[in-house]
PDB file of N, CA and C in Angstrom:
ATOM      1  N   ALA A   1     -75.991-128.972  53.494  1.00  0.00           N
ATOM      2  CA  ALA A   1     -74.962-129.968  53.236  1.00  0.00           C
ATOM      3  C   ALA A   1     -73.747-129.329  52.812  1.00  0.00           C
ATOM      4  N   LEU A   2     -72.639-129.615  53.301  1.00  0.00           N
ATOM      5  CA  LEU A   2     -71.397-129.193  52.911  1.00  0.00           C
ATOM      6  C   LEU A   2     -70.679-130.307  52.083  1.00  0.00           C
ATOM      7  N   GLU A   3     -70.361-129.990  50.835  1.00  0.00           N
ATOM      8  CA  GLU A   3     -69.752-130.971  49.941  1.00  0.00           C
ATOM      9  C   GLU A   3     -68.174-130.836  50.057  1.00  0.00           C
ATOM     10  N   HIS A   4     -67.464-131.843  50.141  1.00  0.00           N
ATOM     11  CA  HIS A   4     -66.088-131.974  50.133  1.00  0.00           C
ATOM     12  C   HIS A   4     -65.500-132.868  48.996  1.00  0.00           C
ATOM     13  N   HIS A   5     -64.463-132.400  48.292  1.00  0.00           N
ATOM     14  CA  HIS A   5     -63.857-133.217  47.275  1.00  0.00           C
ATOM     15  C   HIS A   5     -62.304-133.320  47.581  1.00  0.00           C
ATOM     16  N   VAL A   6     -61.867-134.518  47.400  1.00  0.00           N
ATOM     17  CA  VAL A   6     -60.479-134.771  47.680  1.00  0.00           C
ATOM     18  C   VAL A   6     -59.831-135.303  46.388  1.00  0.00           C
ATOM     19  N   GLU A   7     -58.674-134.779  46.043  1.00  0.00           N
ATOM     20  CA  GLU A   7     -57.998-135.242  44.736  1.00  0.00           C
ATOM     21  C   GLU A   7     -56.589-135.450  45.075  1.00  0.00           C
ATOM     22  N   ILE A   8     -56.028-136.599  44.892  1.00  0.00           N
ATOM     23  CA  ILE A   8     -54.660-136.952  45.118  1.00  0.00           C
ATOM     24  C   ILE A   8     -54.083-137.633  43.806  1.00  0.00           C
ATOM     25  N   THR A   9     -52.933-136.971  43.357  1.00  0.00           N
ATOM     26  CA  THR A   9     -52.200-137.483  42.195  1.00  0.00           C
ATOM     27  C   THR A   9     -51.008-138.152  42.712  1.00  0.00           C
ATOM     28  N   LEU A  10     -50.891-139.376  42.111  1.00  0.00           N
ATOM     29  CA  LEU A  10     -49.631-140.256  42.457  1.00  0.00           C
ATOM     30  C   LEU A  10     -48.846-140.442  41.168  1.00  0.00           C
ATOM     31  N   ALA A  11     -47.459-140.456  41.313  1.00  0.00           N
ATOM     32  CA  ALA A  11     -46.614-140.588  40.133  1.00  0.00           C
ATOM     33  C   ALA A  11     -45.470-141.520  40.589  1.00  0.00           C
ATOM     34  N   ASN A  12     -45.322-142.636  39.851  1.00  0.00           N
ATOM     35  CA  ASN A  12     -44.213-143.507  40.137  1.00  0.00           C
ATOM     36  C   ASN A  12     -43.054-143.114  39.249  1.00  0.00           C
ATOM     37  N   THR A  13     -41.980-142.634  39.794  1.00  0.00           N
ATOM     38  CA  THR A  13     -40.844-142.204  38.956  1.00  0.00           C
ATOM     39  C   THR A  13     -39.734-143.334  38.912  1.00  0.00           C
ATOM     40  N   ARG A  14     -40.037-144.447  39.577  1.00  0.00           N
ATOM     41  CA  ARG A  14     -39.113-145.489  39.542  1.00  0.00           C
ATOM     42  C   ARG A  14     -39.179-146.320  38.263  1.00  0.00           C
ATOM     43  N   SER A  15     -38.257-147.109  38.059  1.00  0.00           N
ATOM     44  CA  SER A  15     -38.165-147.982  36.830  1.00  0.00           C
ATOM     45  C   SER A  15     -38.780-149.334  37.176  1.00  0.00           C
ATOM     46  N   VAL A  16     -39.349-149.526  38.286  1.00  0.00           N
ATOM     47  CA  VAL A  16     -40.070-150.686  38.706  1.00  0.00           C
ATOM     48  C   VAL A  16     -41.435-150.446  39.244  1.00  0.00           C
ATOM     49  N   PRO A  17     -42.390-151.445  39.192  1.00  0.00           N
ATOM     50  CA  PRO A  17     -43.591-151.148  39.792  1.00  0.00           C
ATOM     51  C   PRO A  17     -43.616-150.773  41.199  1.00  0.00           C
ATOM     52  N   ALA A  18     -44.616-150.038  41.695  1.00  0.00           N
ATOM     53  CA  ALA A  18     -44.740-149.671  43.072  1.00  0.00           C
ATOM     54  C   ALA A  18     -46.133-150.003  43.639  1.00  0.00           C
ATOM     55  N   SER A  19     -46.110-150.612  44.820  1.00  0.00           N
ATOM     56  CA  SER A  19     -47.430-150.922  45.575  1.00  0.00           C
ATOM     57  C   SER A  19     -47.588-149.754  46.502  1.00  0.00           C
ATOM     58  N   VAL A  20     -48.801-149.164  46.427  1.00  0.00           N
ATOM     59  CA  VAL A  20     -49.181-147.881  47.075  1.00  0.00           C
ATOM     60  C   VAL A  20     -50.410-148.114  47.850  1.00  0.00           C
ATOM     61  N   ASP A  21     -50.370-147.650  49.179  1.00  0.00           N
ATOM     62  CA  ASP A  21     -51.516-147.703  50.028  1.00  0.00           C
ATOM     63  C   ASP A  21     -51.712-146.220  50.530  1.00  0.00           C
ATOM     64  N   VAL A  22     -52.825-145.609  49.999  1.00  0.00           N
ATOM     65  CA  VAL A  22     -53.131-144.237  50.299  1.00  0.00           C
ATOM     66  C   VAL A  22     -54.327-144.228  51.308  1.00  0.00           C
ATOM     67  N   ARG A  23     -54.106-143.468  52.479  1.00  0.00           N
ATOM     68  CA  ARG A  23     -55.161-143.512  53.455  1.00  0.00           C
ATOM     69  C   ARG A  23     -55.691-142.118  53.587  1.00  0.00           C
ATOM     70  N   GLU A  24     -57.003-142.016  53.777  1.00  0.00           N
ATOM     71  CA  GLU A  24     -57.765-140.762  53.871  1.00  0.00           C
ATOM     72  C   GLU A  24     -58.826-140.957  54.919  1.00  0.00           C
ATOM     73  N   ARG A  25     -59.102-139.828  55.651  1.00  0.00           N
ATOM     74  CA  ARG A  25     -60.021-139.953  56.720  1.00  0.00           C
ATOM     75  C   ARG A  25     -61.101-138.859  56.466  1.00  0.00           C
ATOM     76  N   VAL A  26     -62.349-139.245  56.604  1.00  0.00           N
ATOM     77  CA  VAL A  26     -63.503-138.238  56.554  1.00  0.00           C
ATOM     78  C   VAL A  26     -63.904-137.957  57.916  1.00  0.00           C
ATOM     79  N   PRO A  27     -64.434-136.731  58.218  1.00  0.00           N
ATOM     80  CA  PRO A  27     -64.930-136.362  59.536  1.00  0.00           C
ATOM     81  C   PRO A  27     -65.928-137.477  60.044  1.00  0.00           C
ATOM     82  N   VAL A  28     -66.083-137.500  61.416  1.00  0.00           N
ATOM     83  CA  VAL A  28     -67.079-138.391  62.017  1.00  0.00           C
ATOM     84  C   VAL A  28     -67.805-137.597  63.066  1.00  0.00           C
ATOM     85  N   ALA A  29     -69.208-137.660  63.026  1.00  0.00           N
ATOM     86  CA  ALA A  29     -70.037-136.917  63.865  1.00  0.00           C
ATOM     87  C   ALA A  29     -69.865-137.536  65.256  1.00  0.00           C
ATOM     88  N   ARG A  30     -69.904-136.680  66.297  1.00  0.00           N
ATOM     89  CA  ARG A  30     -69.906-137.227  67.738  1.00  0.00           C
ATOM     90  C   ARG A  30     -71.093-138.046  67.969  1.00  0.00           C
ATOM     91  N   GLU A  31     -70.908-138.958  68.912  1.00  0.00           N
ATOM     92  CA  GLU A  31     -72.075-139.865  69.249  1.00  0.00           C
ATOM     93  C   GLU A  31     -73.314-139.092  69.706  1.00  0.00           C
ATOM     94  N   ASP A  32     -73.267-137.985  70.314  1.00  0.00           N
ATOM     95  CA  ASP A  32     -74.419-137.199  70.778  1.00  0.00           C
ATOM     96  C   ASP A  32     -75.025-136.291  69.609  1.00  0.00           C
ATOM     97  N   ASP A  33     -74.382-136.309  68.513  1.00  0.00           N
ATOM     98  CA  ASP A  33     -74.851-135.332  67.424  1.00  0.00           C
ATOM     99  C   ASP A  33     -75.663-136.197  66.400  1.00  0.00           C
ATOM    100  N   ASP A  34     -76.906-136.615  66.862  1.00  0.00           N
ATOM    101  CA  ASP A  34     -77.720-137.377  66.023  1.00  0.00           C
ATOM    102  C   ASP A  34     -78.240-136.667  64.705  1.00  0.00           C
ATOM    103  N   ASP A  35     -78.202-135.334  64.806  1.00  0.00           N
ATOM    104  CA  ASP A  35     -78.709-134.553  63.629  1.00  0.00           C
ATOM    105  C   ASP A  35     -77.575-134.149  62.676  1.00  0.00           C
ATOM    106  N   VAL A  36     -76.338-134.534  62.937  1.00  0.00           N
ATOM    107  CA  VAL A  36     -75.190-134.329  62.031  1.00  0.00           C
ATOM    108  C   VAL A  36     -74.874-135.619  61.356  1.00  0.00           C
ATOM    109  N   GLN A  37     -74.766-135.598  60.021  1.00  0.00           N
ATOM    110  CA  GLN A  37     -74.475-136.880  59.351  1.00  0.00           C
ATOM    111  C   GLN A  37     -73.301-136.655  58.365  1.00  0.00           C
ATOM    112  N   VAL A  38     -72.460-137.584  58.304  1.00  0.00           N
ATOM    113  CA  VAL A  38     -71.355-137.533  57.342  1.00  0.00           C
ATOM    114  C   VAL A  38     -71.432-138.736  56.512  1.00  0.00           C
ATOM    115  N   ARG A  39     -71.435-138.498  55.089  1.00  0.00           N
ATOM    116  CA  ARG A  39     -71.601-139.570  54.127  1.00  0.00           C
ATOM    117  C   ARG A  39     -70.484-139.570  53.173  1.00  0.00           C
ATOM    118  N   ALA A  40     -69.810-140.667  52.917  1.00  0.00           N
ATOM    119  CA  ALA A  40     -68.859-140.895  51.903  1.00  0.00           C
ATOM    120  C   ALA A  40     -69.713-141.101  50.697  1.00  0.00           C
ATOM    121  N   VAL A  41     -69.602-140.199  49.690  1.00  0.00           N
ATOM    122  CA  VAL A  41     -70.478-140.292  48.485  1.00  0.00           C
ATOM    123  C   VAL A  41     -69.900-141.109  47.336  1.00  0.00           C
ATOM    124  N   SER A  42     -68.678-140.868  47.034  1.00  0.00           N
ATOM    125  CA  SER A  42     -67.999-141.527  45.910  1.00  0.00           C
ATOM    126  C   SER A  42     -66.552-141.624  46.054  1.00  0.00           C
ATOM    127  N   ALA A  43     -65.849-142.587  45.366  1.00  0.00           N
ATOM    128  CA  ALA A  43     -64.456-142.598  45.268  1.00  0.00           C
ATOM    129  C   ALA A  43     -64.124-143.268  43.951  1.00  0.00           C
ATOM    130  N   ASP A  44     -63.123-142.708  43.247  1.00  0.00           N
ATOM    131  CA  ASP A  44     -62.750-143.319  41.907  1.00  0.00           C
ATOM    132  C   ASP A  44     -61.227-143.238  41.918  1.00  0.00           C
ATOM    133  N   PRO A  45     -60.584-144.386  41.864  1.00  0.00           N
ATOM    134  CA  PRO A  45     -61.145-145.724  41.863  1.00  0.00           C
ATOM    135  C   PRO A  45     -61.766-145.966  43.314  1.00  0.00           C
ATOM    136  N   PRO A  46     -62.673-147.026  43.375  1.00  0.00           N
ATOM    137  CA  PRO A  46     -63.298-147.289  44.706  1.00  0.00           C
ATOM    138  C   PRO A  46     -62.306-147.516  45.828  1.00  0.00           C
ATOM    139  N   TRP A  47     -62.604-146.955  46.977  1.00  0.00           N
ATOM    140  CA  TRP A  47     -61.840-147.223  48.175  1.00  0.00           C
ATOM    141  C   TRP A  47     -62.417-148.184  49.138  1.00  0.00           C
ATOM    142  N   LYS A  48     -61.708-148.677  50.065  1.00  0.00           N
ATOM    143  CA  LYS A  48     -62.311-149.560  51.105  1.00  0.00           C
ATOM    144  C   LYS A  48     -62.090-149.042  52.484  1.00  0.00           C
ATOM    145  N   PRO A  49     -62.912-149.362  53.442  1.00  0.00           N
ATOM    146  CA  PRO A  49     -62.762-148.946  54.817  1.00  0.00           C
ATOM    147  C   PRO A  49     -61.445-149.411  55.270  1.00  0.00           C
ATOM    148  N   PHE A  50     -60.656-148.563  55.948  1.00  0.00           N
ATOM    149  CA  PHE A  50     -59.408-148.923  56.463  1.00  0.00           C
ATOM    150  C   PHE A  50     -59.607-149.317  57.941  1.00  0.00           C
ATOM    151  N   GLU A  51     -59.373-150.589  58.160  1.00  0.00           N
ATOM    152  CA  GLU A  51     -59.608-151.262  59.506  1.00  0.00           C
ATOM    153  C   GLU A  51     -58.317-151.631  60.246  1.00  0.00           C
ATOM    154  N   GLN A  52     -58.063-151.188  61.406  1.00  0.00           N
ATOM    155  CA  GLN A  52     -56.993-151.540  62.153  1.00  0.00           C
ATOM    156  C   GLN A  52     -57.489-152.187  63.511  1.00  0.00           C
ATOM    157  N   PRO A  53     -57.164-153.518  63.603  1.00  0.00           N
ATOM    158  CA  PRO A  53     -57.752-154.068  64.836  1.00  0.00           C
ATOM    159  C   PRO A  53     -57.152-153.673  66.150  1.00  0.00           C
ATOM    160  N   ASP A  54     -55.837-153.144  66.121  1.00  0.00           N
ATOM    161  CA  ASP A  54     -55.305-152.687  67.430  1.00  0.00           C
ATOM    162  C   ASP A  54     -55.800-151.252  67.798  1.00  0.00           C
ATOM    163  N   GLN A  55     -55.877-150.353  66.867  1.00  0.00           N
ATOM    164  CA  GLN A  55     -56.262-149.001  67.047  1.00  0.00           C
ATOM    165  C   GLN A  55     -57.226-148.468  66.091  1.00  0.00           C
ATOM    166  N   PRO A  56     -58.510-148.852  66.283  1.00  0.00           N
ATOM    167  CA  PRO A  56     -59.596-148.502  65.271  1.00  0.00           C
ATOM    168  C   PRO A  56     -59.626-146.959  65.062  1.00  0.00           C
ATOM    169  N   VAL A  57     -59.812-146.640  63.801  1.00  0.00           N
ATOM    170  CA  VAL A  57     -59.966-145.217  63.406  1.00  0.00           C
ATOM    171  C   VAL A  57     -61.312-145.098  62.664  1.00  0.00           C
ATOM    172  N   GLU A  58     -62.176-144.248  63.147  1.00  0.00           N
ATOM    173  CA  GLU A  58     -63.428-144.059  62.563  1.00  0.00           C
ATOM    174  C   GLU A  58     -63.280-143.130  61.334  1.00  0.00           C
ATOM    175  N   GLY A  59     -64.107-143.466  60.292  1.00  0.00           N
ATOM    176  CA  GLY A  59     -64.046-142.628  59.117  1.00  0.00           C
ATOM    177  C   GLY A  59     -62.846-142.865  58.185  1.00  0.00           C
ATOM    178  N   ALA A  60     -62.041-143.875  58.466  1.00  0.00           N
ATOM    179  CA  ALA A  60     -60.864-144.141  57.643  1.00  0.00           C
ATOM    180  C   ALA A  60     -61.080-144.974  56.353  1.00  0.00           C
ATOM    181  N   PHE A  61     -60.531-144.589  55.299  1.00  0.00           N
ATOM    182  CA  PHE A  61     -60.619-145.356  54.096  1.00  0.00           C
ATOM    183  C   PHE A  61     -59.216-145.444  53.430  1.00  0.00           C
ATOM    184  N   HIS A  62     -59.190-146.320  52.511  1.00  0.00           N
ATOM    185  CA  HIS A  62     -57.912-146.404  51.830  1.00  0.00           C
ATOM    186  C   HIS A  62     -57.948-147.002  50.382  1.00  0.00           C
ATOM    187  N   TRP A  63     -56.990-146.568  49.618  1.00  0.00           N
ATOM    188  CA  TRP A  63     -56.848-147.165  48.270  1.00  0.00           C
ATOM    189  C   TRP A  63     -55.684-147.972  48.314  1.00  0.00           C
ATOM    190  N   GLN A  64     -55.682-149.190  47.707  1.00  0.00           N
ATOM    191  CA  GLN A  64     -54.505-150.071  47.485  1.00  0.00           C
ATOM    192  C   GLN A  64     -54.290-150.263  46.053  1.00  0.00           C
ATOM    193  N   LEU A  65     -53.142-149.865  45.399  1.00  0.00           N
ATOM    194  CA  LEU A  65     -53.069-150.020  44.014  1.00  0.00           C
ATOM    195  C   LEU A  65     -51.552-150.248  43.673  1.00  0.00           C
ATOM    196  N   GLU A  66     -51.466-150.634  42.420  1.00  0.00           N
ATOM    197  CA  GLU A  66     -50.053-150.893  41.858  1.00  0.00           C
ATOM    198  C   GLU A  66     -49.906-149.778  40.728  1.00  0.00           C
ATOM    199  N   LEU A  67     -48.694-149.177  40.810  1.00  0.00           N
ATOM    200  CA  LEU A  67     -48.504-148.220  39.860  1.00  0.00           C
ATOM    201  C   LEU A  67     -47.224-148.714  38.992  1.00  0.00           C
ATOM    202  N   GLY A  68     -47.423-148.883  37.635  1.00  0.00           N
ATOM    203  CA  GLY A  68     -46.325-149.300  36.880  1.00  0.00           C
ATOM    204  C   GLY A  68     -45.254-148.259  36.776  1.00  0.00           C
ATOM    205  N   PRO A  69     -44.093-148.686  36.212  1.00  0.00           N
ATOM    206  CA  PRO A  69     -42.956-147.730  36.007  1.00  0.00           C
ATOM    207  C   PRO A  69     -43.364-146.611  35.259  1.00  0.00           C
ATOM    208  N   GLY A  70     -43.171-145.367  35.732  1.00  0.00           N
ATOM    209  CA  GLY A  70     -43.461-144.077  35.059  1.00  0.00           C
ATOM    210  C   GLY A  70     -44.962-143.805  35.007  1.00  0.00           C
ATOM    211  N   ALA A  71     -45.785-144.620  35.694  1.00  0.00           N
ATOM    212  CA  ALA A  71     -47.273-144.391  35.681  1.00  0.00           C
ATOM    213  C   ALA A  71     -47.717-143.242  36.689  1.00  0.00           C
ATOM    214  N   GLU A  72     -48.775-142.637  36.319  1.00  0.00           N
ATOM    215  CA  GLU A  72     -49.400-141.640  37.060  1.00  0.00           C
ATOM    216  C   GLU A  72     -50.898-141.938  37.299  1.00  0.00           C
ATOM    217  N   GLN A  73     -51.489-141.717  38.411  1.00  0.00           N
ATOM    218  CA  GLN A  73     -52.884-141.887  38.652  1.00  0.00           C
ATOM    219  C   GLN A  73     -53.446-140.898  39.598  1.00  0.00           C
ATOM    220  N   THR A  74     -54.651-140.430  39.313  1.00  0.00           N
ATOM    221  CA  THR A  74     -55.278-139.436  40.188  1.00  0.00           C
ATOM    222  C   THR A  74     -56.503-140.171  40.871  1.00  0.00           C
ATOM    223  N   LEU A  75     -56.538-139.981  42.214  1.00  0.00           N
ATOM    224  CA  LEU A  75     -57.582-140.508  43.039  1.00  0.00           C
ATOM    225  C   LEU A  75     -58.610-139.374  43.401  1.00  0.00           C
ATOM    226  N   HIS A  76     -59.842-139.836  43.342  1.00  0.00           N
ATOM    227  CA  HIS A  76     -60.879-138.769  43.619  1.00  0.00           C
ATOM    228  C   HIS A  76     -61.783-139.386  44.700  1.00  0.00           C
ATOM    229  N   ALA A  77     -62.174-138.541  45.673  1.00  0.00           N
ATOM    230  CA  ALA A  77     -63.231-138.946  46.633  1.00  0.00           C
ATOM    231  C   ALA A  77     -64.101-137.661  47.012  1.00  0.00           C
ATOM    232  N   SER A  78     -65.358-138.010  47.351  1.00  0.00           N
ATOM    233  CA  SER A  78     -66.271-136.940  47.746  1.00  0.00           C
ATOM    234  C   SER A  78     -67.032-137.423  49.040  1.00  0.00           C
ATOM    235  N   TYR A  79     -67.305-136.510  49.894  1.00  0.00           N
ATOM    236  CA  TYR A  79     -68.141-136.819  51.042  1.00  0.00           C
ATOM    237  C   TYR A  79     -68.931-135.464  51.410  1.00  0.00           C
ATOM    238  N   THR A  80     -70.066-135.720  52.054  1.00  0.00           N
ATOM    239  CA  THR A  80     -70.850-134.615  52.480  1.00  0.00           C
ATOM    240  C   THR A  80     -70.972-134.551  54.072  1.00  0.00           C
ATOM    241  N   VAL A  81     -71.098-133.462  54.522  1.00  0.00           N
ATOM    242  CA  VAL A  81     -71.366-133.252  55.923  1.00  0.00           C
ATOM    243  C   VAL A  81     -72.744-132.477  56.031  1.00  0.00           C
ATOM    244  N   GLU A  82     -73.747-133.113  56.524  1.00  0.00           N
ATOM    245  CA  GLU A  82     -75.050-132.473  56.668  1.00  0.00           C
ATOM    246  C   GLU A  82     -75.284-131.976  58.087  1.00  0.00           C
ATOM    247  N   ILE A  83     -75.565-130.724  58.113  1.00  0.00           N
ATOM    248  CA  ILE A  83     -75.740-130.027  59.412  1.00  0.00           C
ATOM    249  C   ILE A  83     -77.102-129.320  59.376  1.00  0.00           C
ATOM    250  N   PRO A  84     -77.950-129.473  60.294  1.00  0.00           N
ATOM    251  CA  PRO A  84     -79.255-128.779  60.333  1.00  0.00           C
ATOM    252  C   PRO A  84     -79.089-127.207  60.315  1.00  0.00           C
ATOM    253  N   SER A  85     -80.094-126.586  59.744  1.00  0.00           N
ATOM    254  CA  SER A  85     -79.975-125.215  59.589  1.00  0.00           C
ATOM    255  C   SER A  85     -79.968-124.451  61.019  1.00  0.00           C
ATOM    256  N   LYS A  86     -80.443-125.129  62.031  1.00  0.00           N
ATOM    257  CA  LYS A  86     -80.489-124.453  63.363  1.00  0.00           C
ATOM    258  C   LYS A  86     -79.020-124.410  63.932  1.00  0.00           C
ATOM    259  N   ARG A  87     -78.119-125.107  63.372  1.00  0.00           N
ATOM    260  CA  ARG A  87     -76.708-125.028  63.862  1.00  0.00           C
ATOM    261  C   ARG A  87     -75.920-124.065  63.025  1.00  0.00           C
ATOM    262  N   GLU A  88     -74.817-123.449  63.703  1.00  0.00           N
ATOM    263  CA  GLU A  88     -73.964-122.520  63.078  1.00  0.00           C
ATOM    264  C   GLU A  88     -72.583-123.189  62.966  1.00  0.00           C
ATOM    265  N   LEU A  89     -71.924-122.967  61.805  1.00  0.00           N
ATOM    266  CA  LEU A  89     -70.628-123.612  61.570  1.00  0.00           C
ATOM    267  C   LEU A  89     -69.538-122.514  62.038  1.00  0.00           C
ATOM    268  N   VAL A  90     -68.864-122.743  63.160  1.00  0.00           N
ATOM    269  CA  VAL A  90     -67.927-121.704  63.590  1.00  0.00           C
ATOM    270  C   VAL A  90     -66.691-121.819  62.697  1.00  0.00           C
ATOM    271  N   GLY A  91     -66.339-120.636  62.239  1.00  0.00           N
ATOM    272  CA  GLY A  91     -65.093-120.421  61.381  1.00  0.00           C
ATOM    273  C   GLY A  91     -65.352-120.749  59.870  1.00  0.00           C
ATOM    274  N   GLY A  92     -66.589-121.184  59.526  1.00  0.00           N
ATOM    275  CA  GLY A  92     -67.019-121.492  58.154  1.00  0.00           C
ATOM    276  C   GLY A  92     -66.307-122.664  57.596  1.00  0.00           C
ATOM    277  N   ASN A  93     -66.448-122.935  56.352  1.00  0.00           N
ATOM    278  CA  ASN A  93     -65.870-124.061  55.613  1.00  0.00           C
ATOM    279  C   ASN A  93     -64.356-123.685  55.327  1.00  0.00           C
ATOM    280  N   ARG A  94     -63.446-124.087  56.190  1.00  0.00           N
ATOM    281  CA  ARG A  94     -62.074-123.694  56.047  1.00  0.00           C
ATOM    282  C   ARG A  94     -61.392-124.330  54.867  1.00  0.00           C
ATOM    283  N   ARG A  95     -61.887-125.502  54.332  1.00  0.00           N
ATOM    284  CA  ARG A  95     -61.275-126.134  53.103  1.00  0.00           C
ATOM    285  C   ARG A  95     -61.516-125.242  51.876  1.00  0.00           C
ATOM    286  N   GLU A  96     -62.528-124.395  51.947  1.00  0.00           N
ATOM    287  CA  GLU A  96     -62.861-123.560  50.703  1.00  0.00           C
ATOM    288  C   GLU A  96     -62.032-122.224  50.633  1.00  0.00           C
ATOM    289  N   ARG A  97     -61.215-121.978  51.682  1.00  0.00           N
ATOM    290  CA  ARG A  97     -60.400-120.783  51.640  1.00  0.00           C
ATOM    291  C   ARG A  97     -59.261-120.940  50.844  1.00  0.00           C
TER     292      ARG A  97
END
């Protein structure tokens, strides 16, 4: 299993509150890859699936939040990609470089 962690820091430098929508996408296994699984493990604060009726995007999530004037907030998310040992990951885990 390959573990991935995402951290996004937001800062509102305005003098008024800001409504923020942050979108993130996790990988999606191909339909014919039954032995590959991607799992969203955690998100803090919790995120929701991002659904677009016109153009669906698989594996999309988003945070919707309000940031007060001068406020800062860090968003965290984790997901795993499980690949059987019989498979080889070409190029390795590029996010770790």
